[in-house]
Amino acid sequence: DAIAVGIFSTEYLMRIYSAPEDPAYKTWFMGR
C-alpha cells in the first residue's frame, strides 16, 4: 500500500505540475 500510494502520489504531482502545458490550464496558479 505504501508503494502504491507513492506511485499514485507521484503521478498526481506530475499531472498537476505539467498542467500549464495544456492551453486550457495555461496560467501558473489558476491553471493548476
All heavy atoms as atom14 arrays in JSON, in Angstrom:
{
  "sequence": "DAIAVGIFSTEYLMRIYSAPEDPAYKTWFMGR",
  "atom14_mask": [
    [1, 1, 1, 1, 1, 1, 1, 1, 0, 0, 0, 0, 0, 0],
    [1, 1, 1, 1, 1, 0, 0, 0, 0, 0, 0, 0, 0, 0],
    [1, 1, 1, 1, 1, 1, 1, 1, 0, 0, 0, 0, 0, 0],
    [1, 1, 1, 1, 1, 0, 0, 0, 0, 0, 0, 0, 0, 0],
    [1, 1, 1, 1, 1, 1, 1, 0, 0, 0, 0, 0, 0, 0],
    [1, 1, 1, 1, 0, 0, 0, 0, 0, 0, 0, 0, 0, 0],
    [1, 1, 1, 1, 1, 1, 1, 1, 0, 0, 0, 0, 0, 0],
    [1, 1, 1, 1, 1, 1, 1, 1, 1, 1, 1, 0, 0, 0],
    [1, 1, 1, 1, 1, 1, 0, 0, 0, 0, 0, 0, 0, 0],
    [1, 1, 1, 1, 1, 1, 1, 0, 0, 0, 0, 0, 0, 0],
    [1, 1, 1, 1, 1, 1, 1, 1, 1, 0, 0, 0, 0, 0],
    [1, 1, 1, 1, 1, 1, 1, 1, 1, 1, 1, 1, 0, 0],
    [1, 1, 1, 1, 1, 1, 1, 1, 0, 0, 0, 0, 0, 0],
    [1, 1, 1, 1, 1, 1, 1, 1, 0, 0, 0, 0, 0, 0],
    [1, 1, 1, 1, 1, 1, 1, 1, 1, 1, 1, 0, 0, 0],
    [1, 1, 1, 1, 1, 1, 1, 1, 0, 0, 0, 0, 0, 0],
    [1, 1, 1, 1, 1, 1, 1, 1, 1, 1, 1, 1, 0, 0],
    [1, 1, 1, 1, 1, 1, 0, 0, 0, 0, 0, 0, 0, 0],
    [1, 1, 1, 1, 1, 0, 0, 0, 0, 0, 0, 0, 0, 0],
    [1, 1, 1, 1, 1, 1, 1, 0, 0, 0, 0, 0, 0, 0],
    [1, 1, 1, 1, 1, 1, 1, 1, 1, 0, 0, 0, 0, 0],
    [1, 1, 1, 1, 1, 1, 1, 1, 0, 0, 0, 0, 0, 0],
    [1, 1, 1, 1, 1, 1, 1, 0, 0, 0, 0, 0, 0, 0],
    [1, 1, 1, 1, 1, 0, 0, 0, 0, 0, 0, 0, 0, 0],
    [1, 1, 1, 1, 1, 1, 1, 1, 1, 1, 1, 1, 0, 0],
    [1, 1, 1, 1, 1, 1, 1, 1, 1, 0, 0, 0, 0, 0],
    [1, 1, 1, 1, 1, 1, 1, 0, 0, 0, 0, 0, 0, 0],
    [1, 1, 1, 1, 1, 1, 1, 1, 1, 1, 1, 1, 1, 1],
    [1, 1, 1, 1, 1, 1, 1, 1, 1, 1, 1, 0, 0, 0],
    [1, 1, 1, 1, 1, 1, 1, 1, 0, 0, 0, 0, 0, 0],
    [1, 1, 1, 1, 0, 0, 0, 0, 0, 0, 0, 0, 0, 0],
    [1, 1, 1, 1, 1, 1, 1, 1, 1, 1, 1, 0, 0, 0]
  ],
  "atom14_positions": [
    [[0.83, -1.21, 0.0], [0.0, 0.0, 0.0], [0.86, 1.26, 0.0], [0.53, 2.24, -0.68], [-0.92, -0.02, 1.22], [-1.97, 1.08, 1.17], [-2.63, 1.23, 0.13], [-2.13, 1.8, 2.17], [0.0, 0.0, 0.0], [0.0, 0.0, 0.0], [0.0, 0.0, 0.0], [0.0, 0.0, 0.0], [0.0, 0.0, 0.0], [0.0, 0.0, 0.0]],
    [[1.96, 1.23, 0.74], [2.86, 2.39, 0.77], [3.47, 2.63, -0.61], [3.58, 3.78, -1.07], [3.95, 2.18, 1.82], [0.0, 0.0, 0.0], [0.0, 0.0, 0.0], [0.0, 0.0, 0.0], [0.0, 0.0, 0.0], [0.0, 0.0, 0.0], [0.0, 0.0, 0.0], [0.0, 0.0, 0.0], [0.0, 0.0, 0.0], [0.0, 0.0, 0.0]],
    [[3.88, 1.56, -1.28], [4.44, 1.7, -2.63], [3.39, 2.25, -3.6], [3.67, 3.14, -4.41], [4.99, 0.35, -3.13], [6.17, -0.1, -2.26], [5.42, 0.44, -4.59], [6.67, -1.5, -2.58], [0.0, 0.0, 0.0], [0.0, 0.0, 0.0], [0.0, 0.0, 0.0], [0.0, 0.0, 0.0], [0.0, 0.0, 0.0], [0.0, 0.0, 0.0]],
    [[2.15, 1.7, -3.52], [1.08, 2.16, -4.4], [0.78, 3.63, -4.19], [0.61, 4.4, -5.15], [-0.18, 1.32, -4.18], [0.0, 0.0, 0.0], [0.0, 0.0, 0.0], [0.0, 0.0, 0.0], [0.0, 0.0, 0.0], [0.0, 0.0, 0.0], [0.0, 0.0, 0.0], [0.0, 0.0, 0.0], [0.0, 0.0, 0.0], [0.0, 0.0, 0.0]],
    [[0.73, 4.06, -2.92], [0.48, 5.47, -2.62], [1.6, 6.34, -3.16], [1.36, 7.42, -3.7], [0.31, 5.68, -1.1], [0.33, 7.16, -0.75], [-0.99, 5.04, -0.62], [0.0, 0.0, 0.0], [0.0, 0.0, 0.0], [0.0, 0.0, 0.0], [0.0, 0.0, 0.0], [0.0, 0.0, 0.0], [0.0, 0.0, 0.0], [0.0, 0.0, 0.0]],
    [[2.84, 5.86, -3.04], [3.97, 6.61, -3.59], [3.85, 6.78, -5.1], [4.1, 7.87, -5.64], [0.0, 0.0, 0.0], [0.0, 0.0, 0.0], [0.0, 0.0, 0.0], [0.0, 0.0, 0.0], [0.0, 0.0, 0.0], [0.0, 0.0, 0.0], [0.0, 0.0, 0.0], [0.0, 0.0, 0.0], [0.0, 0.0, 0.0], [0.0, 0.0, 0.0]],
    [[3.47, 5.71, -5.78], [3.34, 5.76, -7.25], [2.19, 6.7, -7.65], [2.35, 7.56, -8.52], [3.1, 4.35, -7.81], [4.37, 3.51, -7.64], [2.68, 4.4, -9.28], [4.19, 2.05, -7.98], [0.0, 0.0, 0.0], [0.0, 0.0, 0.0], [0.0, 0.0, 0.0], [0.0, 0.0, 0.0], [0.0, 0.0, 0.0], [0.0, 0.0, 0.0]],
    [[1.03, 6.55, -7.0], [-0.13, 7.38, -7.36], [0.09, 8.84, -6.97], [-0.39, 9.74, -7.67], [-1.39, 6.84, -6.69], [-1.76, 5.44, -7.11], [-2.37, 4.56, -6.23], [-1.48, 5.0, -8.39], [-2.7, 3.28, -6.62], [-1.8, 3.71, -8.79], [-2.42, 2.85, -7.9], [0.0, 0.0, 0.0], [0.0, 0.0, 0.0], [0.0, 0.0, 0.0]],
    [[0.8, 9.08, -5.88], [1.1, 10.46, -5.48], [2.03, 11.11, -6.49], [1.84, 12.28, -6.88], [1.74, 10.49, -4.09], [0.88, 9.94, -3.12], [0.0, 0.0, 0.0], [0.0, 0.0, 0.0], [0.0, 0.0, 0.0], [0.0, 0.0, 0.0], [0.0, 0.0, 0.0], [0.0, 0.0, 0.0], [0.0, 0.0, 0.0], [0.0, 0.0, 0.0]],
    [[3.03, 10.36, -6.94], [3.95, 10.89, -7.95], [3.21, 11.2, -9.24], [3.43, 12.25, -9.87], [5.07, 9.88, -8.22], [5.74, 9.57, -7.0], [6.07, 10.43, -9.22], [0.0, 0.0, 0.0], [0.0, 0.0, 0.0], [0.0, 0.0, 0.0], [0.0, 0.0, 0.0], [0.0, 0.0, 0.0], [0.0, 0.0, 0.0], [0.0, 0.0, 0.0]],
    [[2.31, 10.29, -9.65], [1.53, 10.54, -10.86], [0.68, 11.8, -10.72], [0.6, 12.63, -11.63], [0.62, 9.34, -11.14], [-0.23, 9.49, -12.4], [-1.55, 8.75, -12.33], [-1.87, 8.21, -11.26], [-2.27, 8.74, -13.35], [0.0, 0.0, 0.0], [0.0, 0.0, 0.0], [0.0, 0.0, 0.0], [0.0, 0.0, 0.0], [0.0, 0.0, 0.0]],
    [[0.04, 11.96, -9.56], [-0.81, 13.14, -9.31], [0.01, 14.42, -9.39], [-0.41, 15.4, -10.04], [-1.46, 13.0, -7.95], [-2.34, 14.18, -7.56], [-3.58, 14.36, -8.15], [-1.91, 15.11, -6.61], [-4.38, 15.44, -7.8], [-2.69, 16.19, -6.26], [-3.93, 16.36, -6.84], [-4.72, 17.44, -6.51], [0.0, 0.0, 0.0], [0.0, 0.0, 0.0]],
    [[1.16, 14.44, -8.76], [2.01, 15.64, -8.78], [2.52, 15.92, -10.18], [2.64, 17.1, -10.58], [3.18, 15.45, -7.81], [2.8, 15.39, -6.31], [4.04, 15.09, -5.47], [2.16, 16.69, -5.86], [0.0, 0.0, 0.0], [0.0, 0.0, 0.0], [0.0, 0.0, 0.0], [0.0, 0.0, 0.0], [0.0, 0.0, 0.0], [0.0, 0.0, 0.0]],
    [[2.84, 14.87, -10.94], [3.29, 15.07, -12.33], [2.2, 15.71, -13.17], [2.47, 16.61, -13.99], [3.7, 13.73, -12.94], [4.99, 13.15, -12.37], [5.29, 11.44, -12.89], [5.63, 11.66, -14.63], [0.0, 0.0, 0.0], [0.0, 0.0, 0.0], [0.0, 0.0, 0.0], [0.0, 0.0, 0.0], [0.0, 0.0, 0.0], [0.0, 0.0, 0.0]],
    [[0.95, 15.29, -12.98], [-0.15, 15.86, -13.76], [-0.41, 17.31, -13.36], [-0.66, 18.16, -14.23], [-1.42, 15.02, -13.56], [-1.32, 13.62, -14.16], [-2.64, 12.87, -14.1], [-2.51, 11.51, -14.59], [-2.52, 11.15, -15.86], [-2.68, 12.09, -16.8], [-2.4, 9.88, -16.22], [0.0, 0.0, 0.0], [0.0, 0.0, 0.0], [0.0, 0.0, 0.0]],
    [[-0.36, 17.62, -12.06], [-0.58, 19.0, -11.62], [0.58, 19.89, -12.07], [0.36, 21.02, -12.55], [-0.73, 19.06, -10.08], [-1.97, 18.27, -9.64], [-0.82, 20.5, -9.61], [-3.28, 18.79, -10.19], [0.0, 0.0, 0.0], [0.0, 0.0, 0.0], [0.0, 0.0, 0.0], [0.0, 0.0, 0.0], [0.0, 0.0, 0.0], [0.0, 0.0, 0.0]],
    [[1.81, 19.4, -11.95], [2.98, 20.19, -12.33], [2.98, 20.54, -13.82], [3.29, 21.67, -14.21], [4.25, 19.41, -11.97], [5.51, 19.97, -12.58], [6.05, 21.17, -12.12], [6.17, 19.3, -13.62], [7.22, 21.69, -12.69], [7.32, 19.81, -14.18], [7.84, 21.01, -13.72], [8.97, 21.52, -14.29], [0.0, 0.0, 0.0], [0.0, 0.0, 0.0]],
    [[2.61, 19.58, -14.66], [2.68, 19.79, -16.1], [1.4, 20.36, -16.69], [1.32, 20.56, -17.91], [3.02, 18.47, -16.81], [2.01, 17.5, -16.57], [0.0, 0.0, 0.0], [0.0, 0.0, 0.0], [0.0, 0.0, 0.0], [0.0, 0.0, 0.0], [0.0, 0.0, 0.0], [0.0, 0.0, 0.0], [0.0, 0.0, 0.0], [0.0, 0.0, 0.0]],
    [[0.39, 20.63, -15.87], [-0.9, 21.11, -16.36], [-0.81, 22.37, -17.22], [-1.51, 22.48, -18.23], [-1.86, 21.34, -15.19], [0.0, 0.0, 0.0], [0.0, 0.0, 0.0], [0.0, 0.0, 0.0], [0.0, 0.0, 0.0], [0.0, 0.0, 0.0], [0.0, 0.0, 0.0], [0.0, 0.0, 0.0], [0.0, 0.0, 0.0], [0.0, 0.0, 0.0]],
    [[0.05, 23.37, -16.9], [0.12, 24.58, -17.73], [0.54, 24.34, -19.18], [0.39, 25.24, -20.01], [1.17, 25.44, -16.99], [1.08, 25.0, -15.58], [0.82, 23.54, -15.65], [0.0, 0.0, 0.0], [0.0, 0.0, 0.0], [0.0, 0.0, 0.0], [0.0, 0.0, 0.0], [0.0, 0.0, 0.0], [0.0, 0.0, 0.0], [0.0, 0.0, 0.0]],
    [[1.05, 23.16, -19.5], [1.37, 22.86, -20.9], [0.11, 22.69, -21.74], [0.16, 22.79, -22.97], [2.22, 21.58, -20.98], [3.6, 21.7, -20.37], [4.49, 22.69, -21.13], [4.25, 22.91, -22.33], [5.42, 23.23, -20.51], [0.0, 0.0, 0.0], [0.0, 0.0, 0.0], [0.0, 0.0, 0.0], [0.0, 0.0, 0.0], [0.0, 0.0, 0.0]],
    [[-1.02, 22.44, -21.07], [-2.31, 22.36, -21.77], [-2.86, 23.78, -21.92], [-2.95, 24.51, -20.93], [-3.28, 21.49, -20.95], [-4.55, 21.17, -21.71], [-4.95, 21.99, -22.57], [-5.15, 20.11, -21.45], [0.0, 0.0, 0.0], [0.0, 0.0, 0.0], [0.0, 0.0, 0.0], [0.0, 0.0, 0.0], [0.0, 0.0, 0.0], [0.0, 0.0, 0.0]],
    [[-3.23, 24.2, -23.13], [-3.75, 25.57, -23.32], [-4.95, 25.88, -22.43], [-5.18, 27.05, -22.1], [-4.15, 25.58, -24.81], [-3.3, 24.53, -25.44], [-3.11, 23.46, -24.4], [0.0, 0.0, 0.0], [0.0, 0.0, 0.0], [0.0, 0.0, 0.0], [0.0, 0.0, 0.0], [0.0, 0.0, 0.0], [0.0, 0.0, 0.0], [0.0, 0.0, 0.0]],
    [[-5.71, 24.88, -22.02], [-6.88, 25.13, -21.17], [-6.48, 25.48, -19.74], [-7.31, 26.01, -18.99], [-7.79, 23.9, -21.17], [0.0, 0.0, 0.0], [0.0, 0.0, 0.0], [0.0, 0.0, 0.0], [0.0, 0.0, 0.0], [0.0, 0.0, 0.0], [0.0, 0.0, 0.0], [0.0, 0.0, 0.0], [0.0, 0.0, 0.0], [0.0, 0.0, 0.0]],
    [[-5.24, 25.2, -19.34], [-4.77, 25.46, -17.97], [-3.44, 26.22, -18.03], [-2.47, 25.84, -17.39], [-4.59, 24.14, -17.2], [-5.77, 23.21, -17.32], [-5.68, 22.06, -18.12], [-6.97, 23.47, -16.68], [-6.76, 21.21, -18.24], [-8.06, 22.62, -16.81], [-7.94, 21.49, -17.59], [-9.0, 20.64, -17.73], [0.0, 0.0, 0.0], [0.0, 0.0, 0.0]],
    [[-3.43, 27.3, -18.79], [-2.17, 27.96, -19.13], [-1.52, 28.7, -17.96], [-0.3, 28.73, -17.82], [-2.43, 28.95, -20.29], [-1.2, 29.33, -21.07], [-0.69, 28.15, -21.87], [0.53, 28.51, -22.71], [1.11, 27.35, -23.38], [0.0, 0.0, 0.0], [0.0, 0.0, 0.0], [0.0, 0.0, 0.0], [0.0, 0.0, 0.0], [0.0, 0.0, 0.0]],
    [[-2.34, 29.35, -17.11], [-1.76, 30.18, -16.05], [-1.07, 29.33, -14.99], [-1.44, 28.17, -14.76], [-2.86, 31.04, -15.39], [-3.91, 30.2, -14.92], [-3.43, 32.02, -16.41], [0.0, 0.0, 0.0], [0.0, 0.0, 0.0], [0.0, 0.0, 0.0], [0.0, 0.0, 0.0], [0.0, 0.0, 0.0], [0.0, 0.0, 0.0], [0.0, 0.0, 0.0]],
    [[-0.1, 29.96, -14.31], [0.77, 29.22, -13.4], [0.01, 28.64, -12.22], [0.15, 27.46, -11.9], [1.88, 30.15, -12.89], [2.81, 29.48, -11.92], [3.88, 28.71, -12.22], [2.74, 29.52, -10.48], [4.49, 28.25, -11.07], [3.81, 28.74, -9.98], [1.88, 30.14, -9.58], [4.03, 28.58, -8.63], [2.09, 29.97, -8.22], [3.17, 29.19, -7.76]],
    [[-0.83, 29.48, -11.55], [-1.52, 29.02, -10.35], [-2.96, 28.6, -10.63], [-3.38, 27.48, -10.31], [-1.51, 30.12, -9.27], [-2.25, 29.74, -8.01], [-1.69, 28.84, -7.12], [-3.51, 30.27, -7.75], [-2.37, 28.47, -5.96], [-4.19, 29.91, -6.6], [-3.62, 29.01, -5.71], [0.0, 0.0, 0.0], [0.0, 0.0, 0.0], [0.0, 0.0, 0.0]],
    [[-3.73, 29.48, -11.26], [-5.14, 29.19, -11.51], [-5.31, 28.02, -12.49], [-6.28, 27.26, -12.39], [-5.84, 30.44, -12.06], [-5.99, 31.56, -11.04], [-6.82, 31.03, -9.51], [-8.43, 30.56, -10.14], [0.0, 0.0, 0.0], [0.0, 0.0, 0.0], [0.0, 0.0, 0.0], [0.0, 0.0, 0.0], [0.0, 0.0, 0.0], [0.0, 0.0, 0.0]],
    [[-4.36, 27.88, -13.41], [-4.43, 26.77, -14.34], [-4.29, 25.44, -13.62], [-5.05, 24.5, -13.87], [0.0, 0.0, 0.0], [0.0, 0.0, 0.0], [0.0, 0.0, 0.0], [0.0, 0.0, 0.0], [0.0, 0.0, 0.0], [0.0, 0.0, 0.0], [0.0, 0.0, 0.0], [0.0, 0.0, 0.0], [0.0, 0.0, 0.0], [0.0, 0.0, 0.0]],
    [[-3.34, 25.39, -12.71], [-3.15, 24.15, -11.93], [-4.35, 23.9, -11.01], [-4.76, 22.76, -10.81], [-1.87, 24.23, -11.11], [-0.59, 24.14, -11.97], [0.64, 24.0, -11.08], [1.83, 23.71, -11.88], [2.72, 24.59, -12.28], [2.55, 25.88, -11.96], [3.78, 24.23, -12.99], [0.0, 0.0, 0.0], [0.0, 0.0, 0.0], [0.0, 0.0, 0.0]]
  ]
}
